[in-house]
Structures are given as C-alpha cells and as structure tokens.
Amino acid sequence: SQFIADVIENSQMIAKEDLCIANGKLAWVLYCDIICLDYDG
C-alpha cells in the first residue's frame, strides 16, 4: 500500500489539483482498493 502511494506521488500520475471542485470547499477523494485474488509472485 505504501509502495503504491509512493508511486502515485512520485510519478505525478494524477495532479491532486485536478480533483478539487471548489477551492477550500469541495474535492474528490479516490479510494483505490487493490485486492489480490491469486498470489504467485
């Protein structure tokens, strides 16, 4: 989870400013749930 958070931050794949709707009032929160169904490395 920490690795994924670091990748999002370091790569700047999404600008968090793009998720703001109204400055200081409203913004989007993206909950990204990654679930492993079958683990083989």
Full PDB file with SEQRES, HELIX, SHEET, SSBOND, CRYST1, ORIGX, SCALE, CONECT and MASTER records, all heavy atoms in Angstrom:
SEQRES   1 A   41  SER GLN PHE ILE ALA ASP VAL ILE GLU ASN SER GLN MET          
SEQRES   2 A   41  ILE ALA LYS GLU ASP LEU CYS ILE ALA ASN GLY LYS LEU          
SEQRES   3 A   41  ALA TRP VAL LEU TYR CYS ASP ILE ILE CYS LEU ASP TYR          
SEQRES   4 A   41  ASP GLY                                                      
HELIX    1 AA1 GLN A    2  SER A   11  1                                  10    
HELIX    2 AA2 LYS A   16  LEU A   19  5                                   4    
SHEET    1 AA1 2 CYS A  20  ALA A  22  0                                        
SHEET    2 AA1 2 LEU A  26  ALA A  27 -1                                        
CRYST1    1.000    1.000    1.000  90.00  90.00  90.00 P 1           1          
ORIGX1      1.000000  0.000000  0.000000        0.00000                         
ORIGX2      0.000000  1.000000  0.000000        0.00000                         
ORIGX3      0.000000  0.000000  1.000000        0.00000                         
SCALE1      1.000000  0.000000  0.000000        0.00000                         
SCALE2      0.000000  1.000000  0.000000        0.00000                         
SCALE3      0.000000  0.000000  1.000000        0.00000                         
ATOM      1  N   SER A   1       0.837  -1.211   0.000  1.00  0.00           N  
ATOM      2  CA  SER A   1       0.000   0.000   0.000  1.00  0.00           C  
ATOM      3  C   SER A   1       0.868   1.257   0.000  1.00  0.00           C  
ATOM      4  O   SER A   1       0.594   2.222  -0.721  1.00  0.00           O  
ATOM      5  CB  SER A   1      -0.928   0.019   1.217  1.00  0.00           C  
ATOM      6  OG  SER A   1      -1.871  -1.031   1.162  1.00  0.00           O  
ATOM      7  N   GLN A   2       1.934   1.237   0.809  1.00  0.00           N  
ATOM      8  CA  GLN A   2       2.840   2.384   0.877  1.00  0.00           C  
ATOM      9  C   GLN A   2       3.580   2.563  -0.443  1.00  0.00           C  
ATOM     10  O   GLN A   2       3.780   3.695  -0.917  1.00  0.00           O  
ATOM     11  CB  GLN A   2       3.844   2.200   2.021  1.00  0.00           C  
ATOM     12  CG  GLN A   2       4.750   3.411   2.257  1.00  0.00           C  
ATOM     13  CD  GLN A   2       3.977   4.673   2.557  1.00  0.00           C  
ATOM     14  OE1 GLN A   2       3.146   4.707   3.462  1.00  0.00           O  
ATOM     15  NE2 GLN A   2       4.226   5.731   1.781  1.00  0.00           N  
ATOM     16  N   PHE A   3       3.981   1.446  -1.055  1.00  0.00           N  
ATOM     17  CA  PHE A   3       4.662   1.498  -2.356  1.00  0.00           C  
ATOM     18  C   PHE A   3       3.760   2.157  -3.400  1.00  0.00           C  
ATOM     19  O   PHE A   3       4.204   3.034  -4.153  1.00  0.00           O  
ATOM     20  CB  PHE A   3       5.049   0.075  -2.788  1.00  0.00           C  
ATOM     21  CG  PHE A   3       5.504  -0.015  -4.222  1.00  0.00           C  
ATOM     22  CD1 PHE A   3       6.791   0.353  -4.585  1.00  0.00           C  
ATOM     23  CD2 PHE A   3       4.639  -0.468  -5.214  1.00  0.00           C  
ATOM     24  CE1 PHE A   3       7.213   0.279  -5.915  1.00  0.00           C  
ATOM     25  CE2 PHE A   3       5.046  -0.552  -6.536  1.00  0.00           C  
ATOM     26  CZ  PHE A   3       6.338  -0.170  -6.888  1.00  0.00           C  
ATOM     27  N   ILE A   4       2.480   1.744  -3.439  1.00  0.00           N  
ATOM     28  CA  ILE A   4       1.533   2.306  -4.406  1.00  0.00           C  
ATOM     29  C   ILE A   4       1.348   3.800  -4.146  1.00  0.00           C  
ATOM     30  O   ILE A   4       1.315   4.612  -5.082  1.00  0.00           O  
ATOM     31  CB  ILE A   4       0.166   1.584  -4.334  1.00  0.00           C  
ATOM     32  CG1 ILE A   4       0.315   0.104  -4.742  1.00  0.00           C  
ATOM     33  CG2 ILE A   4      -0.874   2.281  -5.202  1.00  0.00           C  
ATOM     34  CD1 ILE A   4       0.652  -0.133  -6.188  1.00  0.00           C  
ATOM     35  N   ALA A   5       1.241   4.183  -2.862  1.00  0.00           N  
ATOM     36  CA  ALA A   5       1.095   5.602  -2.509  1.00  0.00           C  
ATOM     37  C   ALA A   5       2.305   6.408  -2.997  1.00  0.00           C  
ATOM     38  O   ALA A   5       2.162   7.520  -3.520  1.00  0.00           O  
ATOM     39  CB  ALA A   5       0.929   5.752  -0.998  1.00  0.00           C  
ATOM     40  N   ASP A   6       3.503   5.827  -2.838  1.00  0.00           N  
ATOM     41  CA  ASP A   6       4.733   6.498  -3.283  1.00  0.00           C  
ATOM     42  C   ASP A   6       4.770   6.636  -4.801  1.00  0.00           C  
ATOM     43  O   ASP A   6       5.211   7.660  -5.338  1.00  0.00           O  
ATOM     44  CB  ASP A   6       5.973   5.727  -2.805  1.00  0.00           C  
ATOM     45  CG  ASP A   6       6.149   5.795  -1.290  1.00  0.00           C  
ATOM     46  OD1 ASP A   6       5.541   6.693  -0.659  1.00  0.00           O  
ATOM     47  OD2 ASP A   6       6.867   4.932  -0.737  1.00  0.00           O  
ATOM     48  N   VAL A   7       4.322   5.606  -5.513  1.00  0.00           N  
ATOM     49  CA  VAL A   7       4.291   5.647  -6.986  1.00  0.00           C  
ATOM     50  C   VAL A   7       3.354   6.750  -7.465  1.00  0.00           C  
ATOM     51  O   VAL A   7       3.682   7.520  -8.374  1.00  0.00           O  
ATOM     52  CB  VAL A   7       3.865   4.280  -7.568  1.00  0.00           C  
ATOM     53  CG1 VAL A   7       3.544   4.401  -9.075  1.00  0.00           C  
ATOM     54  CG2 VAL A   7       4.958   3.238  -7.360  1.00  0.00           C  
ATOM     55  N   ILE A   8       2.175   6.843  -6.851  1.00  0.00           N  
ATOM     56  CA  ILE A   8       1.204   7.886  -7.216  1.00  0.00           C  
ATOM     57  C   ILE A   8       1.815   9.270  -7.007  1.00  0.00           C  
ATOM     58  O   ILE A   8       1.707  10.154  -7.868  1.00  0.00           O  
ATOM     59  CB  ILE A   8      -0.091   7.740  -6.382  1.00  0.00           C  
ATOM     60  CG1 ILE A   8      -0.823   6.451  -6.754  1.00  0.00           C  
ATOM     61  CG2 ILE A   8      -1.011   8.943  -6.589  1.00  0.00           C  
ATOM     62  CD1 ILE A   8      -1.955   6.071  -5.803  1.00  0.00           C  
ATOM     63  N   GLU A   9       2.494   9.445  -5.873  1.00  0.00           N  
ATOM     64  CA  GLU A   9       3.088  10.743  -5.519  1.00  0.00           C  
ATOM     65  C   GLU A   9       4.280  11.070  -6.416  1.00  0.00           C  
ATOM     66  O   GLU A   9       4.369  12.175  -6.978  1.00  0.00           O  
ATOM     67  CB  GLU A   9       3.527  10.709  -4.046  1.00  0.00           C  
ATOM     68  CG  GLU A   9       3.880  12.059  -3.462  1.00  0.00           C  
ATOM     69  CD  GLU A   9       2.693  12.980  -3.289  1.00  0.00           C  
ATOM     70  OE1 GLU A   9       1.586  12.496  -2.977  1.00  0.00           O  
ATOM     71  OE2 GLU A   9       2.876  14.194  -3.481  1.00  0.00           O  
ATOM     72  N   ASN A  10       5.201  10.125  -6.564  1.00  0.00           N  
ATOM     73  CA  ASN A  10       6.444  10.387  -7.301  1.00  0.00           C  
ATOM     74  C   ASN A  10       6.236  10.533  -8.801  1.00  0.00           C  
ATOM     75  O   ASN A  10       6.930  11.304  -9.463  1.00  0.00           O  
ATOM     76  CB  ASN A  10       7.467   9.273  -7.041  1.00  0.00           C  
ATOM     77  CG  ASN A  10       7.907   9.216  -5.595  1.00  0.00           C  
ATOM     78  OD1 ASN A  10       7.783  10.194  -4.871  1.00  0.00           O  
ATOM     79  ND2 ASN A  10       8.410   8.073  -5.160  1.00  0.00           N  
ATOM     80  N   SER A  11       5.301   9.761  -9.347  1.00  0.00           N  
ATOM     81  CA  SER A  11       5.083   9.794 -10.799  1.00  0.00           C  
ATOM     82  C   SER A  11       4.223  10.978 -11.216  1.00  0.00           C  
ATOM     83  O   SER A  11       4.216  11.357 -12.387  1.00  0.00           O  
ATOM     84  CB  SER A  11       4.411   8.500 -11.262  1.00  0.00           C  
ATOM     85  OG  SER A  11       3.077   8.418 -10.763  1.00  0.00           O  
ATOM     86  N   GLN A  12       3.476  11.552 -10.242  1.00  0.00           N  
ATOM     87  CA  GLN A  12       2.520  12.630 -10.554  1.00  0.00           C  
ATOM     88  C   GLN A  12       1.509  12.177 -11.607  1.00  0.00           C  
ATOM     89  O   GLN A  12       1.167  12.939 -12.518  1.00  0.00           O  
ATOM     90  CB  GLN A  12       3.271  13.885 -11.035  1.00  0.00           C  
ATOM     91  CG  GLN A  12       4.162  14.513  -9.971  1.00  0.00           C  
ATOM     92  CD  GLN A  12       3.352  15.122  -8.813  1.00  0.00           C  
ATOM     93  OE1 GLN A  12       2.581  16.036  -9.018  1.00  0.00           O  
ATOM     94  NE2 GLN A  12       3.523  14.585  -7.619  1.00  0.00           N  
ATOM     95  N   MET A  13       1.078  10.921 -11.499  1.00  0.00           N  
ATOM     96  CA  MET A  13       0.144  10.373 -12.490  1.00  0.00           C  
ATOM     97  C   MET A  13      -1.179  11.135 -12.496  1.00  0.00           C  
ATOM     98  O   MET A  13      -1.820  11.276 -13.532  1.00  0.00           O  
ATOM     99  CB  MET A  13      -0.084   8.878 -12.252  1.00  0.00           C  
ATOM    100  CG  MET A  13      -0.747   8.514 -10.942  1.00  0.00           C  
ATOM    101  SD  MET A  13      -0.766   6.711 -10.634  1.00  0.00           S  
ATOM    102  CE  MET A  13      -1.671   6.081 -12.022  1.00  0.00           C  
ATOM    103  N   ILE A  14      -1.581  11.628 -11.318  1.00  0.00           N  
ATOM    104  CA  ILE A  14      -2.765  12.483 -11.215  1.00  0.00           C  
ATOM    105  C   ILE A  14      -2.379  13.719 -10.413  1.00  0.00           C  
ATOM    106  O   ILE A  14      -1.813  13.602  -9.322  1.00  0.00           O  
ATOM    107  CB  ILE A  14      -3.929  11.742 -10.524  1.00  0.00           C  
ATOM    108  CG1 ILE A  14      -4.407  10.581 -11.388  1.00  0.00           C  
ATOM    109  CG2 ILE A  14      -5.099  12.693 -10.243  1.00  0.00           C  
ATOM    110  CD1 ILE A  14      -5.451   9.716 -10.720  1.00  0.00           C  
ATOM    111  N   ALA A  15      -2.684  14.890 -10.964  1.00  0.00           N  
ATOM    112  CA  ALA A  15      -2.452  16.122 -10.202  1.00  0.00           C  
ATOM    113  C   ALA A  15      -3.608  16.273  -9.215  1.00  0.00           C  
ATOM    114  O   ALA A  15      -4.770  16.296  -9.619  1.00  0.00           O  
ATOM    115  CB  ALA A  15      -2.392  17.315 -11.148  1.00  0.00           C  
ATOM    116  N   LYS A  16      -3.288  16.348  -7.942  1.00  0.00           N  
ATOM    117  CA  LYS A  16      -4.350  16.439  -6.931  1.00  0.00           C  
ATOM    118  C   LYS A  16      -5.178  17.714  -7.080  1.00  0.00           C  
ATOM    119  O   LYS A  16      -6.326  17.775  -6.648  1.00  0.00           O  
ATOM    120  CB  LYS A  16      -3.749  16.343  -5.528  1.00  0.00           C  
ATOM    121  CG  LYS A  16      -3.212  14.947  -5.213  1.00  0.00           C  
ATOM    122  CD  LYS A  16      -2.568  14.875  -3.849  1.00  0.00           C  
ATOM    123  CE  LYS A  16      -1.976  13.483  -3.615  1.00  0.00           C  
ATOM    124  NZ  LYS A  16      -1.236  13.414  -2.350  1.00  0.00           N  
ATOM    125  N   GLU A  17      -4.599  18.700  -7.743  1.00  0.00           N  
ATOM    126  CA  GLU A  17      -5.338  19.936  -8.023  1.00  0.00           C  
ATOM    127  C   GLU A  17      -6.510  19.657  -8.970  1.00  0.00           C  
ATOM    128  O   GLU A  17      -7.541  20.346  -8.919  1.00  0.00           O  
ATOM    129  CB  GLU A  17      -4.420  21.000  -8.639  1.00  0.00           C  
ATOM    130  CG  GLU A  17      -3.391  21.572  -7.687  1.00  0.00           C  
ATOM    131  CD  GLU A  17      -2.135  20.717  -7.545  1.00  0.00           C  
ATOM    132  OE1 GLU A  17      -2.077  19.620  -8.160  1.00  0.00           O  
ATOM    133  OE2 GLU A  17      -1.218  21.118  -6.810  1.00  0.00           O  
ATOM    134  N   ASP A  18      -6.348  18.659  -9.841  1.00  0.00           N  
ATOM    135  CA  ASP A  18      -7.425  18.297 -10.782  1.00  0.00           C  
ATOM    136  C   ASP A  18      -8.640  17.715 -10.066  1.00  0.00           C  
ATOM    137  O   ASP A  18      -9.731  17.639 -10.637  1.00  0.00           O  
ATOM    138  CB  ASP A  18      -6.918  17.277 -11.815  1.00  0.00           C  
ATOM    139  CG  ASP A  18      -5.893  17.873 -12.771  1.00  0.00           C  
ATOM    140  OD1 ASP A  18      -5.841  19.116 -12.878  1.00  0.00           O  
ATOM    141  OD2 ASP A  18      -5.152  17.102 -13.408  1.00  0.00           O  
ATOM    142  N   LEU A  19      -8.448  17.271  -8.820  1.00  0.00           N  
ATOM    143  CA  LEU A  19      -9.542  16.657  -8.058  1.00  0.00           C  
ATOM    144  C   LEU A  19     -10.301  17.690  -7.224  1.00  0.00           C  
ATOM    145  O   LEU A  19     -11.292  17.364  -6.579  1.00  0.00           O  
ATOM    146  CB  LEU A  19      -8.994  15.557  -7.136  1.00  0.00           C  
ATOM    147  CG  LEU A  19      -8.273  14.391  -7.825  1.00  0.00           C  
ATOM    148  CD1 LEU A  19      -7.709  13.430  -6.790  1.00  0.00           C  
ATOM    149  CD2 LEU A  19      -9.210  13.641  -8.768  1.00  0.00           C  
ATOM    150  N   CYS A  20      -9.834  18.932  -7.263  1.00  0.00           N  
ATOM    151  CA  CYS A  20     -10.507  19.987  -6.498  1.00  0.00           C  
ATOM    152  C   CYS A  20     -11.690  20.530  -7.295  1.00  0.00           C  
ATOM    153  O   CYS A  20     -11.573  20.812  -8.492  1.00  0.00           O  
ATOM    154  CB  CYS A  20      -9.519  21.112  -6.185  1.00  0.00           C  
ATOM    155  SG  CYS A  20     -10.242  22.420  -5.168  1.00  0.00           S  
ATOM    156  N   ILE A  21     -12.842  20.651  -6.646  1.00  0.00           N  
ATOM    157  CA  ILE A  21     -14.052  21.164  -7.292  1.00  0.00           C  
ATOM    158  C   ILE A  21     -14.255  22.633  -6.947  1.00  0.00           C  
ATOM    159  O   ILE A  21     -14.489  23.466  -7.820  1.00  0.00           O  
ATOM    160  CB  ILE A  21     -15.281  20.332  -6.869  1.00  0.00           C  
ATOM    161  CG1 ILE A  21     -15.108  18.877  -7.331  1.00  0.00           C  
ATOM    162  CG2 ILE A  21     -16.574  20.926  -7.439  1.00  0.00           C  
ATOM    163  CD1 ILE A  21     -16.024  17.895  -6.648  1.00  0.00           C  
ATOM    164  N   ALA A  22     -14.166  22.957  -5.663  1.00  0.00           N  
ATOM    165  CA  ALA A  22     -14.271  24.346  -5.206  1.00  0.00           C  
ATOM    166  C   ALA A  22     -13.216  24.572  -4.134  1.00  0.00           C  
ATOM    167  O   ALA A  22     -13.201  23.876  -3.118  1.00  0.00           O  
ATOM    168  CB  ALA A  22     -15.667  24.633  -4.651  1.00  0.00           C  
ATOM    169  N   ASN A  23     -12.337  25.526  -4.399  1.00  0.00           N  
ATOM    170  CA  ASN A  23     -11.196  25.781  -3.506  1.00  0.00           C  
ATOM    171  C   ASN A  23     -11.639  25.957  -2.048  1.00  0.00           C  
ATOM    172  O   ASN A  23     -12.457  26.821  -1.729  1.00  0.00           O  
ATOM    173  CB  ASN A  23     -10.472  27.044  -3.989  1.00  0.00           C  
ATOM    174  CG  ASN A  23      -9.035  27.081  -3.497  1.00  0.00           C  
ATOM    175  OD1 ASN A  23      -8.747  26.666  -2.377  1.00  0.00           O  
ATOM    176  ND2 ASN A  23      -8.145  27.576  -4.327  1.00  0.00           N  
ATOM    177  N   GLY A  24     -11.080  25.088  -1.190  1.00  0.00           N  
ATOM    178  CA  GLY A  24     -11.375  25.169   0.237  1.00  0.00           C  
ATOM    179  C   GLY A  24     -12.736  24.638   0.646  1.00  0.00           C  
ATOM    180  O   GLY A  24     -13.061  24.590   1.839  1.00  0.00           O  
ATOM    181  N   LYS A  25     -13.545  24.212  -0.345  1.00  0.00           N  
ATOM    182  CA  LYS A  25     -14.906  23.770  -0.019  1.00  0.00           C  
ATOM    183  C   LYS A  25     -15.179  22.309  -0.367  1.00  0.00           C  
ATOM    184  O   LYS A  25     -15.727  21.560   0.441  1.00  0.00           O  
ATOM    185  CB  LYS A  25     -15.934  24.654  -0.755  1.00  0.00           C  
ATOM    186  CG  LYS A  25     -15.950  26.090  -0.298  1.00  0.00           C  
ATOM    187  CD  LYS A  25     -16.981  26.889  -1.084  1.00  0.00           C  
ATOM    188  CE  LYS A  25     -16.996  28.354  -0.639  1.00  0.00           C  
ATOM    189  NZ  LYS A  25     -17.959  29.143  -1.452  1.00  0.00           N  
ATOM    190  N   LEU A  26     -14.771  21.906  -1.592  1.00  0.00           N  
ATOM    191  CA  LEU A  26     -15.165  20.563  -2.050  1.00  0.00           C  
ATOM    192  C   LEU A  26     -14.108  19.953  -2.971  1.00  0.00           C  
ATOM    193  O   LEU A  26     -13.560  20.654  -3.835  1.00  0.00           O  
ATOM    194  CB  LEU A  26     -16.510  20.643  -2.785  1.00  0.00           C  
ATOM    195  CG  LEU A  26     -17.327  19.356  -2.928  1.00  0.00           C  
ATOM    196  CD1 LEU A  26     -17.740  18.816  -1.554  1.00  0.00           C  
ATOM    197  CD2 LEU A  26     -18.566  19.607  -3.777  1.00  0.00           C  
ATOM    198  N   ALA A  27     -13.849  18.662  -2.790  1.00  0.00           N  
ATOM    199  CA  ALA A  27     -12.875  17.959  -3.636  1.00  0.00           C  
ATOM    200  C   ALA A  27     -13.253  16.482  -3.730  1.00  0.00           C  
ATOM    201  O   ALA A  27     -14.024  15.967  -2.913  1.00  0.00           O  
ATOM    202  CB  ALA A  27     -11.469  18.105  -3.056  1.00  0.00           C  
ATOM    203  N   TRP A  28     -12.688  15.845  -4.735  1.00  0.00           N  
ATOM    204  CA  TRP A  28     -12.900  14.396  -4.896  1.00  0.00           C  
ATOM    205  C   TRP A  28     -11.899  13.620  -4.045  1.00  0.00           C  
ATOM    206  O   TRP A  28     -10.742  14.010  -3.928  1.00  0.00           O  
ATOM    207  CB  TRP A  28     -12.715  13.976  -6.348  1.00  0.00           C  
ATOM    208  CG  TRP A  28     -13.840  14.356  -7.269  1.00  0.00           C  
ATOM    209  CD1 TRP A  28     -13.816  15.305  -8.253  1.00  0.00           C  
ATOM    210  CD2 TRP A  28     -15.149  13.773  -7.310  1.00  0.00           C  
ATOM    211  NE1 TRP A  28     -15.022  15.366  -8.889  1.00  0.00           N  
ATOM    212  CE2 TRP A  28     -15.876  14.428  -8.336  1.00  0.00           C  
ATOM    213  CE3 TRP A  28     -15.784  12.772  -6.577  1.00  0.00           C  
ATOM    214  CZ2 TRP A  28     -17.188  14.116  -8.647  1.00  0.00           C  
ATOM    215  CZ3 TRP A  28     -17.098  12.449  -6.885  1.00  0.00           C  
ATOM    216  CH2 TRP A  28     -17.782  13.113  -7.906  1.00  0.00           C  
ATOM    217  N   VAL A  29     -12.364  12.506  -3.494  1.00  0.00           N  
ATOM    218  CA  VAL A  29     -11.484  11.525  -2.856  1.00  0.00           C  
ATOM    219  C   VAL A  29     -11.582  10.247  -3.680  1.00  0.00           C  
ATOM    220  O   VAL A  29     -12.694   9.746  -3.919  1.00  0.00           O  
ATOM    221  CB  VAL A  29     -11.925  11.202  -1.410  1.00  0.00           C  
ATOM    222  CG1 VAL A  29     -10.926  10.241  -0.767  1.00  0.00           C  
ATOM    223  CG2 VAL A  29     -12.039  12.455  -0.585  1.00  0.00           C  
ATOM    224  N   LEU A  30     -10.448   9.746  -4.148  1.00  0.00           N  
ATOM    225  CA  LEU A  30     -10.436   8.499  -4.914  1.00  0.00           C  
ATOM    226  C   LEU A  30      -9.925   7.367  -4.022  1.00  0.00           C  
ATOM    227  O   LEU A  30      -8.745   7.330  -3.665  1.00  0.00           O  
ATOM    228  CB  LEU A  30      -9.541   8.638  -6.155  1.00  0.00           C  
ATOM    229  CG  LEU A  30      -9.909   9.730  -7.166  1.00  0.00           C  
ATOM    230  CD1 LEU A  30      -8.914   9.725  -8.323  1.00  0.00           C  
ATOM    231  CD2 LEU A  30     -11.338   9.560  -7.681  1.00  0.00           C  
ATOM    232  N   TYR A  31     -10.819   6.475  -3.642  1.00  0.00           N  
ATOM    233  CA  TYR A  31     -10.422   5.298  -2.861  1.00  0.00           C  
ATOM    234  C   TYR A  31     -10.078   4.176  -3.849  1.00  0.00           C  
ATOM    235  O   TYR A  31     -10.938   3.716  -4.603  1.00  0.00           O  
ATOM    236  CB  TYR A  31     -11.561   4.853  -1.936  1.00  0.00           C  
ATOM    237  CG  TYR A  31     -11.849   5.835  -0.829  1.00  0.00           C  
ATOM    238  CD1 TYR A  31     -12.927   6.723  -0.906  1.00  0.00           C  
ATOM    239  CD2 TYR A  31     -11.038   5.901   0.309  1.00  0.00           C  
ATOM    240  CE1 TYR A  31     -13.184   7.631   0.108  1.00  0.00           C  
ATOM    241  CE2 TYR A  31     -11.285   6.814   1.328  1.00  0.00           C  
ATOM    242  CZ  TYR A  31     -12.360   7.675   1.223  1.00  0.00           C  
ATOM    243  OH  TYR A  31     -12.605   8.577   2.220  1.00  0.00           O  
ATOM    244  N   CYS A  32      -8.812   3.776  -3.850  1.00  0.00           N  
ATOM    245  CA  CYS A  32      -8.338   2.760  -4.802  1.00  0.00           C  
ATOM    246  C   CYS A  32      -8.072   1.455  -4.047  1.00  0.00           C  
ATOM    247  O   CYS A  32      -7.033   1.322  -3.379  1.00  0.00           O  
ATOM    248  CB  CYS A  32      -7.066   3.235  -5.500  1.00  0.00           C  
ATOM    249  SG  CYS A  32      -7.227   4.872  -6.249  1.00  0.00           S  
ATOM    250  N   ASP A  33      -9.002   0.525  -4.136  1.00  0.00           N  
ATOM    251  CA  ASP A  33      -8.852  -0.765  -3.450  1.00  0.00           C  
ATOM    252  C   ASP A  33      -8.274  -1.792  -4.416  1.00  0.00           C  
ATOM    253  O   ASP A  33      -8.885  -2.103  -5.450  1.00  0.00           O  
ATOM    254  CB  ASP A  33     -10.202  -1.248  -2.915  1.00  0.00           C  
ATOM    255  CG  ASP A  33     -10.652  -0.430  -1.708  1.00  0.00           C  
ATOM    256  OD1 ASP A  33      -9.835  -0.243  -0.801  1.00  0.00           O  
ATOM    257  OD2 ASP A  33     -11.805   0.031  -1.691  1.00  0.00           O  
ATOM    258  N   ILE A  34      -7.101  -2.296  -4.074  1.00  0.00           N  
ATOM    259  CA  ILE A  34      -6.408  -3.294  -4.906  1.00  0.00           C  
ATOM    260  C   ILE A  34      -6.417  -4.611  -4.140  1.00  0.00           C  
ATOM    261  O   ILE A  34      -5.834  -4.713  -3.062  1.00  0.00           O  
ATOM    262  CB  ILE A  34      -4.967  -2.837  -5.207  1.00  0.00           C  
ATOM    263  CG1 ILE A  34      -4.974  -1.481  -5.937  1.00  0.00           C  
ATOM    264  CG2 ILE A  34      -4.222  -3.883  -6.024  1.00  0.00           C  
ATOM    265  CD1 ILE A  34      -3.635  -0.774  -5.955  1.00  0.00           C  
ATOM    266  N   ILE A  35      -7.100  -5.599  -4.698  1.00  0.00           N  
ATOM    267  CA  ILE A  35      -7.262  -6.872  -3.995  1.00  0.00           C  
ATOM    268  C   ILE A  35      -6.627  -8.002  -4.817  1.00  0.00           C  
ATOM    269  O   ILE A  35      -6.920  -8.158  -6.002  1.00  0.00           O  
ATOM    270  CB  ILE A  35      -8.760  -7.188  -3.763  1.00  0.00           C  
ATOM    271  CG1 ILE A  35      -9.413  -6.036  -2.985  1.00  0.00           C  
ATOM    272  CG2 ILE A  35      -8.933  -8.495  -3.005  1.00  0.00           C  
ATOM    273  CD1 ILE A  35     -10.923  -6.054  -3.005  1.00  0.00           C  
ATOM    274  N   CYS A  36      -5.753  -8.754  -4.182  1.00  0.00           N  
ATOM    275  CA  CYS A  36      -5.120  -9.896  -4.844  1.00  0.00           C  
ATOM    276  C   CYS A  36      -6.033 -11.109  -4.724  1.00  0.00           C  
ATOM    277  O   CYS A  36      -6.409 -11.516  -3.625  1.00  0.00           O  
ATOM    278  CB  CYS A  36      -3.763 -10.185  -4.213  1.00  0.00           C  
ATOM    279  SG  CYS A  36      -2.861 -11.513  -5.031  1.00  0.00           S  
ATOM    280  N   LEU A  37      -6.419 -11.676  -5.853  1.00  0.00           N  
ATOM    281  CA  LEU A  37      -7.293 -12.851  -5.869  1.00  0.00           C  
ATOM    282  C   LEU A  37      -6.500 -14.150  -5.925  1.00  0.00           C  
ATOM    283  O   LEU A  37      -6.956 -15.178  -5.444  1.00  0.00           O  
ATOM    284  CB  LEU A  37      -8.252 -12.782  -7.068  1.00  0.00           C  
ATOM    285  CG  LEU A  37      -9.132 -11.522  -7.179  1.00  0.00           C  
ATOM    286  CD1 LEU A  37      -9.990 -11.586  -8.435  1.00  0.00           C  
ATOM    287  CD2 LEU A  37      -9.998 -11.354  -5.943  1.00  0.00           C  
ATOM    288  N   ASP A  38      -5.322 -14.082  -6.533  1.00  0.00           N  
ATOM    289  CA  ASP A  38      -4.461 -15.268  -6.648  1.00  0.00           C  
ATOM    290  C   ASP A  38      -3.021 -14.780  -6.633  1.00  0.00           C  
ATOM    291  O   ASP A  38      -2.626 -13.972  -7.478  1.00  0.00           O  
ATOM    292  CB  ASP A  38      -4.775 -16.015  -7.954  1.00  0.00           C  
ATOM    293  CG  ASP A  38      -4.123 -17.391  -8.008  1.00  0.00           C  
ATOM    294  OD1 ASP A  38      -3.330 -17.715  -7.097  1.00  0.00           O  
ATOM    295  OD2 ASP A  38      -4.395 -18.152  -8.955  1.00  0.00           O  
ATOM    296  N   TYR A  39      -2.239 -15.238  -5.643  1.00  0.00           N  
ATOM    297  CA  TYR A  39      -0.876 -14.733  -5.474  1.00  0.00           C  
ATOM    298  C   TYR A  39       0.145 -15.754  -5.964  1.00  0.00           C  
ATOM    299  O   TYR A  39       0.226 -16.860  -5.445  1.00  0.00           O  
ATOM    300  CB  TYR A  39      -0.617 -14.409  -3.994  1.00  0.00           C  
ATOM    301  CG  TYR A  39       0.759 -13.861  -3.729  1.00  0.00           C  
ATOM    302  CD1 TYR A  39       1.006 -12.502  -3.812  1.00  0.00           C  
ATOM    303  CD2 TYR A  39       1.818 -14.706  -3.413  1.00  0.00           C  
ATOM    304  CE1 TYR A  39       2.279 -11.986  -3.579  1.00  0.00           C  
ATOM    305  CE2 TYR A  39       3.087 -14.210  -3.180  1.00  0.00           C  
ATOM    306  CZ  TYR A  39       3.309 -12.847  -3.272  1.00  0.00           C  
ATOM    307  OH  TYR A  39       4.574 -12.352  -3.052  1.00  0.00           O  
ATOM    308  N   ASP A  40       0.911 -15.358  -6.976  1.00  0.00           N  
ATOM    309  CA  ASP A  40       2.031 -16.182  -7.420  1.00  0.00           C  
ATOM    310  C   ASP A  40       3.211 -15.278  -7.770  1.00  0.00           C  
ATOM    311  O   ASP A  40       3.776 -15.358  -8.858  1.00  0.00           O  
ATOM    312  CB  ASP A  40       1.642 -17.056  -8.616  1.00  0.00           C  
ATOM    313  CG  ASP A  40       2.740 -18.047  -8.986  1.00  0.00           C  
ATOM    314  OD1 ASP A  40       3.594 -18.354  -8.116  1.00  0.00           O  
ATOM    315  OD2 ASP A  40       2.783 -18.510 -10.146  1.00  0.00           O  
ATOM    316  N   GLY A  41       3.551 -14.391  -6.833  1.00  0.00           N  
ATOM    317  CA  GLY A  41       4.714 -13.533  -7.018  1.00  0.00           C  
ATOM    318  C   GLY A  41       4.422 -12.258  -7.790  1.00  0.00           C  
ATOM    319  O   GLY A  41       3.391 -12.116  -8.446  1.00  0.00           O  
TER     320      GLY A  41                                                      
MASTER        0    0    0    2    2    0    0    6  319    1    0    4          
END                                                                             
